[in-house]
Amino acid sequence: MALMNKMTIAEIKRQLATITDPTAPLINELKDDSRKGVQQALKQWQRRFKAYQAALQAFHQRFKYENYYWTHGCHYVAGMDEVGRGPLAGPVVTCAVILDSSFDLVGVTDSKQLTRHEREELYLQIVNEAVEISIAVNDREKIDRLNIYAATQDAMMRSVRSLNHRPDHLIVDAVPLPELAVPQTTLIKGDQKSISVAAASIVAKEYRDHLMRDYDQVYPGYGFAENMGYGTQQHLAGLRKLGACPIHRRSFSPVPEYLN
């Protein structure tokens, strides 16, 4: 306890930032420290620890499908997701991600629940930790020719076929792929239920967002860097002012009204 009294509150906070075990000697010692700042720091640590434990439990829950197939003879399990079915402009992007049991990025969850900064950080870590990642893109021409659902299926199948590791099982978010001769599990809101699908959703969204930011430089005035091609007020105002650009989907209303 004497040592704790010699430590400043700032020093104690730095020590707490390195602790993940609630039975650590420092935690017990701090409970007897009468300084208000120390008790506040301890409460903050306890809240962070509780939040981390909840995140860890949810992470393990999102691994249940992968664990099931691994223990039933599947060596490679691929999670599949897509981004970009709803926008008025830009491509649809699909991603297949194969993970193994060493994957430990607790923060991986549905990409829509993450901030842009969190997605960017996790994207780099997923690419580094995954066994393999495969991305496929279908542009607006193919979307208009096939329809968005068929174009999404086509890109998903190309993602799988491009994998060097042939998956023994697919976990697919919402879109079944009957033309693929691979056993599949189709999940509604799969990015909230499967860690592989969640990883695929993050990679696909980051990849597409970067594309849309590049398109914003080529076709300014629609706000593609902010709205990613979705029909926001900013985007619709750009359509009314400028008309449709080459990446606008001709089969999506109200784009046909603004074709020059």
C-alpha atoms as a PDB file:
ATOM      1  CA  MET A   1       0.000   0.000   0.000  1.00  0.00           C
ATOM      2  CA  ALA A   2       2.879   2.344   0.722  1.00  0.00           C
ATOM      3  CA  LEU A   3       4.057   1.972  -2.846  1.00  0.00           C
ATOM      4  CA  MET A   4       0.597   2.878  -4.159  1.00  0.00           C
ATOM      5  CA  ASN A   5       0.548   6.057  -2.075  1.00  0.00           C
ATOM      6  CA  LYS A   6       3.806   7.106  -3.700  1.00  0.00           C
ATOM      7  CA  MET A   7       2.366   6.685  -7.183  1.00  0.00           C
ATOM      8  CA  THR A   8       0.563   9.606  -8.787  1.00  0.00           C
ATOM      9  CA  ILE A   9      -2.950   9.126 -10.129  1.00  0.00           C
ATOM     10  CA  ALA A  10      -1.602   9.480 -13.665  1.00  0.00           C
ATOM     11  CA  GLU A  11       0.897   6.687 -12.996  1.00  0.00           C
ATOM     12  CA  ILE A  12      -1.860   4.489 -11.557  1.00  0.00           C
ATOM     13  CA  LYS A  13      -4.002   5.074 -14.663  1.00  0.00           C
ATOM     14  CA  ARG A  14      -1.105   4.001 -16.862  1.00  0.00           C
ATOM     15  CA  GLN A  15      -0.688   0.846 -14.773  1.00  0.00           C
ATOM     16  CA  LEU A  16      -4.411   0.089 -14.963  1.00  0.00           C
ATOM     17  CA  ALA A  17      -4.327   0.378 -18.737  1.00  0.00           C
ATOM     18  CA  THR A  18      -2.058  -2.696 -18.845  1.00  0.00           C
ATOM     19  CA  ILE A  19      -4.157  -4.911 -16.544  1.00  0.00           C
ATOM     20  CA  THR A  20      -6.745  -7.391 -17.779  1.00  0.00           C
ATOM     21  CA  ASP A  21      -7.003  -9.571 -14.665  1.00  0.00           C
ATOM     22  CA  PRO A  22      -9.405  -8.456 -11.881  1.00  0.00           C
ATOM     23  CA  THR A  23      -7.405 -10.513  -9.347  1.00  0.00           C
ATOM     24  CA  ALA A  24      -4.176  -8.598 -10.058  1.00  0.00           C
ATOM     25  CA  PRO A  25      -2.511  -7.355  -6.825  1.00  0.00           C
ATOM     26  CA  LEU A  26      -2.773  -3.718  -7.941  1.00  0.00           C
ATOM     27  CA  ILE A  27      -6.568  -3.934  -8.193  1.00  0.00           C
ATOM     28  CA  ASN A  28      -6.886  -5.171  -4.622  1.00  0.00           C
ATOM     29  CA  GLU A  29      -4.468  -2.540  -3.314  1.00  0.00           C
ATOM     30  CA  LEU A  30      -6.292   0.297  -5.060  1.00  0.00           C
ATOM     31  CA  LYS A  31      -9.550  -0.625  -3.315  1.00  0.00           C
ATOM     32  CA  ASP A  32      -7.987   0.612  -0.067  1.00  0.00           C
ATOM     33  CA  ASP A  33      -6.573   3.832  -1.556  1.00  0.00           C
ATOM     34  CA  SER A  34      -8.623   6.714  -0.130  1.00  0.00           C
ATOM     35  CA  ARG A  35      -7.787   9.196  -2.867  1.00  0.00           C
ATOM     36  CA  LYS A  36     -10.888  10.198  -4.831  1.00  0.00           C
ATOM     37  CA  GLY A  37      -9.008  10.236  -8.134  1.00  0.00           C
ATOM     38  CA  VAL A  38      -7.761   6.707  -7.551  1.00  0.00           C
ATOM     39  CA  GLN A  39     -11.263   5.423  -6.842  1.00  0.00           C
ATOM     40  CA  GLN A  40     -12.554   7.119  -9.983  1.00  0.00           C
ATOM     41  CA  ALA A  41      -9.759   5.523 -12.015  1.00  0.00           C
ATOM     42  CA  LEU A  42     -10.568   2.138 -10.488  1.00  0.00           C
ATOM     43  CA  LYS A  43     -14.273   2.500 -11.371  1.00  0.00           C
ATOM     44  CA  GLN A  44     -13.340   3.427 -14.935  1.00  0.00           C
ATOM     45  CA  TRP A  45     -11.151   0.340 -15.174  1.00  0.00           C
ATOM     46  CA  GLN A  46     -13.954  -1.838 -13.789  1.00  0.00           C
ATOM     47  CA  ARG A  47     -16.381  -0.470 -16.418  1.00  0.00           C
ATOM     48  CA  ARG A  48     -13.863  -1.101 -19.188  1.00  0.00           C
ATOM     49  CA  PHE A  49     -13.225  -4.619 -17.915  1.00  0.00           C
ATOM     50  CA  LYS A  50     -16.945  -5.370 -17.764  1.00  0.00           C
ATOM     51  CA  ALA A  51     -17.424  -4.066 -21.305  1.00  0.00           C
ATOM     52  CA  TYR A  52     -14.471  -6.128 -22.531  1.00  0.00           C
ATOM     53  CA  GLN A  53     -15.842  -9.280 -20.902  1.00  0.00           C
ATOM     54  CA  ALA A  54     -19.196  -8.712 -22.589  1.00  0.00           C
ATOM     55  CA  ALA A  55     -17.460  -8.158 -25.941  1.00  0.00           C
ATOM     56  CA  LEU A  56     -15.382 -11.300 -25.436  1.00  0.00           C
ATOM     57  CA  GLN A  57     -18.458 -13.381 -24.665  1.00  0.00           C
ATOM     58  CA  ALA A  58     -20.218 -12.030 -27.768  1.00  0.00           C
ATOM     59  CA  PHE A  59     -17.105 -12.754 -29.834  1.00  0.00           C
ATOM     60  CA  HIS A  60     -17.075 -16.403 -28.754  1.00  0.00           C
ATOM     61  CA  GLN A  61     -20.804 -16.632 -29.482  1.00  0.00           C
ATOM     62  CA  ARG A  62     -20.190 -15.380 -33.039  1.00  0.00           C
ATOM     63  CA  PHE A  63     -17.661 -18.182 -33.469  1.00  0.00           C
ATOM     64  CA  LYS A  64     -20.225 -20.949 -32.802  1.00  0.00           C
ATOM     65  CA  TYR A  65     -20.908 -21.774 -36.466  1.00  0.00           C
ATOM     66  CA  GLU A  66     -17.243 -21.939 -37.396  1.00  0.00           C
ATOM     67  CA  ASN A  67     -16.465 -24.072 -34.344  1.00  0.00           C
ATOM     68  CA  TYR A  68     -19.300 -26.438 -35.191  1.00  0.00           C
ATOM     69  CA  TYR A  69     -18.103 -27.043 -38.749  1.00  0.00           C
ATOM     70  CA  TRP A  70     -14.449 -27.312 -37.711  1.00  0.00           C
ATOM     71  CA  THR A  71     -15.343 -30.017 -35.204  1.00  0.00           C
ATOM     72  CA  HIS A  72     -17.410 -31.829 -37.858  1.00  0.00           C
ATOM     73  CA  GLY A  73     -14.630 -32.348 -40.351  1.00  0.00           C
ATOM     74  CA  CYS A  74     -14.505 -29.017 -42.197  1.00  0.00           C
ATOM     75  CA  HIS A  75     -10.976 -27.676 -42.511  1.00  0.00           C
ATOM     76  CA  TYR A  76     -11.743 -24.428 -44.357  1.00  0.00           C
ATOM     77  CA  VAL A  77     -14.918 -22.488 -43.567  1.00  0.00           C
ATOM     78  CA  ALA A  78     -15.544 -19.306 -45.559  1.00  0.00           C
ATOM     79  CA  GLY A  79     -17.762 -16.432 -44.450  1.00  0.00           C
ATOM     80  CA  MET A  80     -19.473 -14.461 -47.237  1.00  0.00           C
ATOM     81  CA  ASP A  81     -21.006 -11.000 -47.307  1.00  0.00           C
ATOM     82  CA  GLU A  82     -21.777  -8.169 -49.712  1.00  0.00           C
ATOM     83  CA  VAL A  83     -21.907  -4.396 -49.600  1.00  0.00           C
ATOM     84  CA  GLY A  84     -23.656  -2.070 -52.015  1.00  0.00           C
ATOM     85  CA  ARG A  85     -26.978  -3.648 -52.950  1.00  0.00           C
ATOM     86  CA  GLY A  86     -28.978  -0.550 -52.066  1.00  0.00           C
ATOM     87  CA  PRO A  87     -27.090   2.488 -53.474  1.00  0.00           C
ATOM     88  CA  LEU A  88     -28.112   4.397 -56.590  1.00  0.00           C
ATOM     89  CA  ALA A  89     -24.524   4.487 -57.805  1.00  0.00           C
ATOM     90  CA  GLY A  90     -21.345   2.433 -57.772  1.00  0.00           C
ATOM     91  CA  PRO A  91     -20.590  -1.277 -57.722  1.00  0.00           C
ATOM     92  CA  VAL A  92     -21.649  -4.129 -55.505  1.00  0.00           C
ATOM     93  CA  VAL A  93     -18.681  -5.671 -53.655  1.00  0.00           C
ATOM     94  CA  THR A  94     -18.570  -9.157 -52.193  1.00  0.00           C
ATOM     95  CA  CYS A  95     -15.989 -10.807 -49.986  1.00  0.00           C
ATOM     96  CA  ALA A  96     -15.150 -14.333 -48.858  1.00  0.00           C
ATOM     97  CA  VAL A  97     -13.031 -14.688 -45.716  1.00  0.00           C
ATOM     98  CA  ILE A  98     -11.470 -17.866 -44.348  1.00  0.00           C
ATOM     99  CA  LEU A  99     -10.381 -17.730 -40.698  1.00  0.00           C
ATOM    100  CA  ASP A 100      -8.896 -20.296 -38.353  1.00  0.00           C
ATOM    101  CA  SER A 101      -9.258 -20.883 -34.620  1.00  0.00           C
ATOM    102  CA  SER A 102      -6.362 -18.548 -33.781  1.00  0.00           C
ATOM    103  CA  PHE A 103      -8.333 -15.500 -34.973  1.00  0.00           C
ATOM    104  CA  ASP A 104      -8.644 -13.203 -31.970  1.00  0.00           C
ATOM    105  CA  LEU A 105      -9.972  -9.795 -33.077  1.00  0.00           C
ATOM    106  CA  VAL A 106     -12.690  -9.324 -30.463  1.00  0.00           C
ATOM    107  CA  GLY A 107     -13.913  -6.114 -32.089  1.00  0.00           C
ATOM    108  CA  VAL A 108     -15.003  -7.823 -35.305  1.00  0.00           C
ATOM    109  CA  THR A 109     -18.774  -7.513 -35.641  1.00  0.00           C
ATOM    110  CA  ASP A 110     -21.385  -6.212 -38.078  1.00  0.00           C
ATOM    111  CA  SER A 111     -19.618  -3.438 -40.029  1.00  0.00           C
ATOM    112  CA  LYS A 112     -22.664  -1.172 -39.686  1.00  0.00           C
ATOM    113  CA  GLN A 113     -22.157  -1.096 -35.904  1.00  0.00           C
ATOM    114  CA  LEU A 114     -18.580   0.187 -36.205  1.00  0.00           C
ATOM    115  CA  THR A 115     -17.215   3.670 -36.738  1.00  0.00           C
ATOM    116  CA  ARG A 116     -15.200   4.442 -39.846  1.00  0.00           C
ATOM    117  CA  HIS A 117     -12.007   4.505 -37.788  1.00  0.00           C
ATOM    118  CA  GLU A 118     -12.821   1.138 -36.163  1.00  0.00           C
ATOM    119  CA  ARG A 119     -13.518  -0.422 -39.552  1.00  0.00           C
ATOM    120  CA  GLU A 120     -10.282   0.876 -41.014  1.00  0.00           C
ATOM    121  CA  GLU A 121      -8.256  -0.494 -38.119  1.00  0.00           C
ATOM    122  CA  LEU A 122     -10.005  -3.868 -38.183  1.00  0.00           C
ATOM    123  CA  TYR A 123      -9.734  -4.108 -41.978  1.00  0.00           C
ATOM    124  CA  LEU A 124      -5.942  -4.035 -41.782  1.00  0.00           C
ATOM    125  CA  GLN A 125      -5.894  -6.529 -38.906  1.00  0.00           C
ATOM    126  CA  ILE A 126      -8.310  -8.928 -40.644  1.00  0.00           C
ATOM    127  CA  VAL A 127      -6.206  -8.884 -43.797  1.00  0.00           C
ATOM    128  CA  ASN A 128      -3.176  -9.698 -41.648  1.00  0.00           C
ATOM    129  CA  GLU A 129      -4.799 -12.498 -39.603  1.00  0.00           C
ATOM    130  CA  ALA A 130      -7.101 -14.231 -42.093  1.00  0.00           C
ATOM    131  CA  VAL A 131      -6.092 -17.482 -43.767  1.00  0.00           C
ATOM    132  CA  GLU A 132      -7.337 -16.018 -47.051  1.00  0.00           C
ATOM    133  CA  ILE A 133      -9.526 -13.224 -48.413  1.00  0.00           C
ATOM    134  CA  SER A 134     -11.139 -12.980 -51.821  1.00  0.00           C
ATOM    135  CA  ILE A 135     -12.993  -9.917 -53.174  1.00  0.00           C
ATOM    136  CA  ALA A 136     -15.179  -9.589 -56.270  1.00  0.00           C
ATOM    137  CA  VAL A 137     -16.732  -6.456 -57.771  1.00  0.00           C
ATOM    138  CA  ASN A 138     -19.639  -6.067 -60.198  1.00  0.00           C
ATOM    139  CA  ASP A 139     -19.976  -2.614 -61.720  1.00  0.00           C
ATOM    140  CA  ARG A 140     -23.161  -0.749 -62.460  1.00  0.00           C
ATOM    141  CA  GLU A 141     -23.281  -2.042 -66.063  1.00  0.00           C
ATOM    142  CA  LYS A 142     -23.483  -5.629 -64.839  1.00  0.00           C
ATOM    143  CA  ILE A 143     -25.968  -4.661 -62.130  1.00  0.00           C
ATOM    144  CA  ASP A 144     -28.224  -3.047 -64.749  1.00  0.00           C
ATOM    145  CA  ARG A 145     -27.850  -6.016 -67.093  1.00  0.00           C
ATOM    146  CA  LEU A 146     -28.465  -8.816 -64.562  1.00  0.00           C
ATOM    147  CA  ASN A 147     -30.428  -7.036 -61.751  1.00  0.00           C
ATOM    148  CA  ILE A 148     -28.877  -6.348 -58.372  1.00  0.00           C
ATOM    149  CA  TYR A 149     -29.719  -9.706 -56.785  1.00  0.00           C
ATOM    150  CA  ALA A 150     -28.244 -11.742 -59.636  1.00  0.00           C
ATOM    151  CA  ALA A 151     -25.216  -9.439 -59.827  1.00  0.00           C
ATOM    152  CA  THR A 152     -24.645  -9.967 -56.100  1.00  0.00           C
ATOM    153  CA  GLN A 153     -24.876 -13.747 -56.456  1.00  0.00           C
ATOM    154  CA  ASP A 154     -22.495 -13.636 -59.428  1.00  0.00           C
ATOM    155  CA  ALA A 155     -19.894 -11.640 -57.468  1.00  0.00           C
ATOM    156  CA  MET A 156     -20.261 -13.904 -54.430  1.00  0.00           C
ATOM    157  CA  MET A 157     -19.650 -16.999 -56.529  1.00  0.00           C
ATOM    158  CA  ARG A 158     -16.584 -15.407 -58.120  1.00  0.00           C
ATOM    159  CA  SER A 159     -15.283 -14.587 -54.637  1.00  0.00           C
ATOM    160  CA  VAL A 160     -15.530 -18.249 -53.656  1.00  0.00           C
ATOM    161  CA  ARG A 161     -14.106 -19.585 -56.910  1.00  0.00           C
ATOM    162  CA  SER A 162     -11.112 -17.252 -56.620  1.00  0.00           C
ATOM    163  CA  LEU A 163     -10.068 -18.682 -53.253  1.00  0.00           C
ATOM    164  CA  ASN A 164      -6.865 -20.723 -53.317  1.00  0.00           C
ATOM    165  CA  HIS A 165      -8.135 -22.732 -50.338  1.00  0.00           C
ATOM    166  CA  ARG A 166     -11.264 -24.575 -51.410  1.00  0.00           C
ATOM    167  CA  PRO A 167     -13.808 -24.138 -48.598  1.00  0.00           C
ATOM    168  CA  ASP A 168     -15.521 -27.193 -47.144  1.00  0.00           C
ATOM    169  CA  HIS A 169     -18.442 -25.049 -46.003  1.00  0.00           C
ATOM    170  CA  LEU A 170     -19.809 -21.556 -46.658  1.00  0.00           C
ATOM    171  CA  ILE A 171     -21.558 -19.281 -44.197  1.00  0.00           C
ATOM    172  CA  VAL A 172     -23.442 -16.771 -46.330  1.00  0.00           C
ATOM    173  CA  ASP A 173     -25.257 -13.628 -45.279  1.00  0.00           C
ATOM    174  CA  ALA A 174     -28.830 -13.787 -46.618  1.00  0.00           C
ATOM    175  CA  VAL A 175     -28.041 -14.699 -50.258  1.00  0.00           C
ATOM    176  CA  PRO A 176     -28.032 -18.450 -51.075  1.00  0.00           C
ATOM    177  CA  LEU A 177     -25.683 -19.621 -53.817  1.00  0.00           C
ATOM    178  CA  PRO A 178     -27.327 -22.741 -55.291  1.00  0.00           C
ATOM    179  CA  GLU A 179     -24.978 -22.900 -58.277  1.00  0.00           C
ATOM    180  CA  LEU A 180     -21.993 -23.578 -56.022  1.00  0.00           C
ATOM    181  CA  ALA A 181     -21.375 -27.226 -55.174  1.00  0.00           C
ATOM    182  CA  VAL A 182     -20.267 -26.341 -51.646  1.00  0.00           C
ATOM    183  CA  PRO A 183     -22.336 -27.023 -48.502  1.00  0.00           C
ATOM    184  CA  GLN A 184     -23.801 -23.767 -47.230  1.00  0.00           C
ATOM    185  CA  THR A 185     -25.439 -22.192 -44.237  1.00  0.00           C
ATOM    186  CA  THR A 186     -27.450 -19.072 -45.078  1.00  0.00           C
ATOM    187  CA  LEU A 187     -28.029 -16.718 -42.156  1.00  0.00           C
ATOM    188  CA  ILE A 188     -30.250 -13.667 -41.883  1.00  0.00           C
ATOM    189  CA  LYS A 189     -28.112 -10.909 -40.351  1.00  0.00           C
ATOM    190  CA  GLY A 190     -25.186 -13.267 -40.620  1.00  0.00           C
ATOM    191  CA  ASP A 191     -22.709 -10.483 -39.887  1.00  0.00           C
ATOM    192  CA  GLN A 192     -24.127 -10.406 -36.358  1.00  0.00           C
ATOM    193  CA  LYS A 193     -24.044 -14.201 -35.918  1.00  0.00           C
ATOM    194  CA  SER A 194     -20.835 -15.394 -37.587  1.00  0.00           C
ATOM    195  CA  ILE A 195     -17.351 -14.005 -37.067  1.00  0.00           C
ATOM    196  CA  SER A 196     -16.310 -14.977 -40.611  1.00  0.00           C
ATOM    197  CA  VAL A 197     -19.295 -13.187 -42.136  1.00  0.00           C
ATOM    198  CA  ALA A 198     -18.632 -10.149 -39.923  1.00  0.00           C
ATOM    199  CA  ALA A 199     -15.012 -10.070 -41.092  1.00  0.00           C
ATOM    200  CA  ALA A 200     -16.185 -10.324 -44.709  1.00  0.00           C
ATOM    201  CA  SER A 201     -18.632  -7.448 -44.190  1.00  0.00           C
ATOM    202  CA  ILE A 202     -15.863  -5.202 -42.813  1.00  0.00           C
ATOM    203  CA  VAL A 203     -13.467  -5.989 -45.661  1.00  0.00           C
ATOM    204  CA  ALA A 204     -16.154  -5.559 -48.332  1.00  0.00           C
ATOM    205  CA  LYS A 205     -17.362  -2.261 -46.878  1.00  0.00           C
ATOM    206  CA  GLU A 206     -13.869  -0.811 -46.539  1.00  0.00           C
ATOM    207  CA  TYR A 207     -13.007  -1.874 -50.074  1.00  0.00           C
ATOM    208  CA  ARG A 208     -16.186  -0.340 -51.503  1.00  0.00           C
ATOM    209  CA  ASP A 209     -15.895   2.839 -49.436  1.00  0.00           C
ATOM    210  CA  HIS A 210     -12.401   3.410 -50.821  1.00  0.00           C
ATOM    211  CA  LEU A 211     -13.732   2.921 -54.350  1.00  0.00           C
ATOM    212  CA  MET A 212     -16.517   5.440 -53.756  1.00  0.00           C
ATOM    213  CA  ARG A 213     -14.092   7.993 -52.359  1.00  0.00           C
ATOM    214  CA  ASP A 214     -12.043   7.589 -55.541  1.00  0.00           C
ATOM    215  CA  TYR A 215     -15.200   8.006 -57.635  1.00  0.00           C
ATOM    216  CA  ASP A 216     -15.926  11.210 -55.731  1.00  0.00           C
ATOM    217  CA  GLN A 217     -12.739  12.649 -57.231  1.00  0.00           C
ATOM    218  CA  VAL A 218     -13.757  11.589 -60.739  1.00  0.00           C
ATOM    219  CA  TYR A 219     -17.424  12.579 -60.450  1.00  0.00           C
ATOM    220  CA  PRO A 220     -17.663  15.444 -57.918  1.00  0.00           C
ATOM    221  CA  GLY A 221     -20.910  17.035 -56.892  1.00  0.00           C
ATOM    222  CA  TYR A 222     -22.819  13.985 -55.661  1.00  0.00           C
ATOM    223  CA  GLY A 223     -21.069  13.552 -52.311  1.00  0.00           C
ATOM    224  CA  PHE A 224     -19.952   9.990 -53.038  1.00  0.00           C
ATOM    225  CA  ALA A 225     -17.187  10.240 -50.415  1.00  0.00           C
ATOM    226  CA  GLU A 226     -19.844  10.760 -47.722  1.00  0.00           C
ATOM    227  CA  ASN A 227     -22.934   8.918 -48.959  1.00  0.00           C
ATOM    228  CA  MET A 228     -21.147   6.058 -50.793  1.00  0.00           C
ATOM    229  CA  GLY A 229     -23.782   6.238 -53.531  1.00  0.00           C
ATOM    230  CA  TYR A 230     -26.847   5.886 -51.311  1.00  0.00           C
ATOM    231  CA  GLY A 231     -29.810   8.132 -52.042  1.00  0.00           C
ATOM    232  CA  THR A 232     -29.220  10.843 -49.447  1.00  0.00           C
ATOM    233  CA  GLN A 233     -30.561  14.389 -49.825  1.00  0.00           C
ATOM    234  CA  GLN A 234     -27.058  15.522 -50.826  1.00  0.00           C
ATOM    235  CA  HIS A 235     -26.858  12.836 -53.508  1.00  0.00           C
ATOM    236  CA  LEU A 236     -30.339  13.549 -54.888  1.00  0.00           C
ATOM    237  CA  ALA A 237     -29.554  17.264 -55.025  1.00  0.00           C
ATOM    238  CA  GLY A 238     -26.470  16.418 -57.101  1.00  0.00           C
ATOM    239  CA  LEU A 239     -28.587  14.299 -59.441  1.00  0.00           C
ATOM    240  CA  ARG A 240     -31.059  17.137 -59.958  1.00  0.00           C
ATOM    241  CA  LYS A 241     -28.268  19.605 -60.645  1.00  0.00           C
ATOM    242  CA  LEU A 242     -25.850  17.502 -62.695  1.00  0.00           C
ATOM    243  CA  GLY A 243     -27.886  14.611 -64.053  1.00  0.00           C
ATOM    244  CA  ALA A 244     -26.697  11.012 -63.825  1.00  0.00           C
ATOM    245  CA  CYS A 245     -23.012  10.144 -64.149  1.00  0.00           C
ATOM    246  CA  PRO A 246     -21.549   6.934 -65.670  1.00  0.00           C
ATOM    247  CA  ILE A 247     -21.642   4.993 -62.366  1.00  0.00           C
ATOM    248  CA  HIS A 248     -25.321   5.694 -61.655  1.00  0.00           C
ATOM    249  CA  ARG A 249     -27.459   2.552 -61.895  1.00  0.00           C
ATOM    250  CA  ARG A 250     -29.929   3.006 -64.741  1.00  0.00           C
ATOM    251  CA  SER A 251     -32.235   0.354 -63.284  1.00  0.00           C
ATOM    252  CA  PHE A 252     -32.603   2.144 -59.945  1.00  0.00           C
ATOM    253  CA  SER A 253     -35.284   4.784 -59.428  1.00  0.00           C
ATOM    254  CA  PRO A 254     -35.091   7.789 -59.670  1.00  0.00           C
ATOM    255  CA  VAL A 255     -31.914   7.650 -61.788  1.00  0.00           C
ATOM    256  CA  PRO A 256     -33.756   7.259 -65.141  1.00  0.00           C
ATOM    257  CA  GLU A 257     -35.323  10.673 -64.575  1.00  0.00           C
ATOM    258  CA  TYR A 258     -31.871  12.280 -64.711  1.00  0.00           C
ATOM    259  CA  LEU A 259     -30.326  10.613 -67.748  1.00  0.00           C
ATOM    260  CA  ASN A 260     -29.089  13.168 -70.267  1.00  0.00           C
END
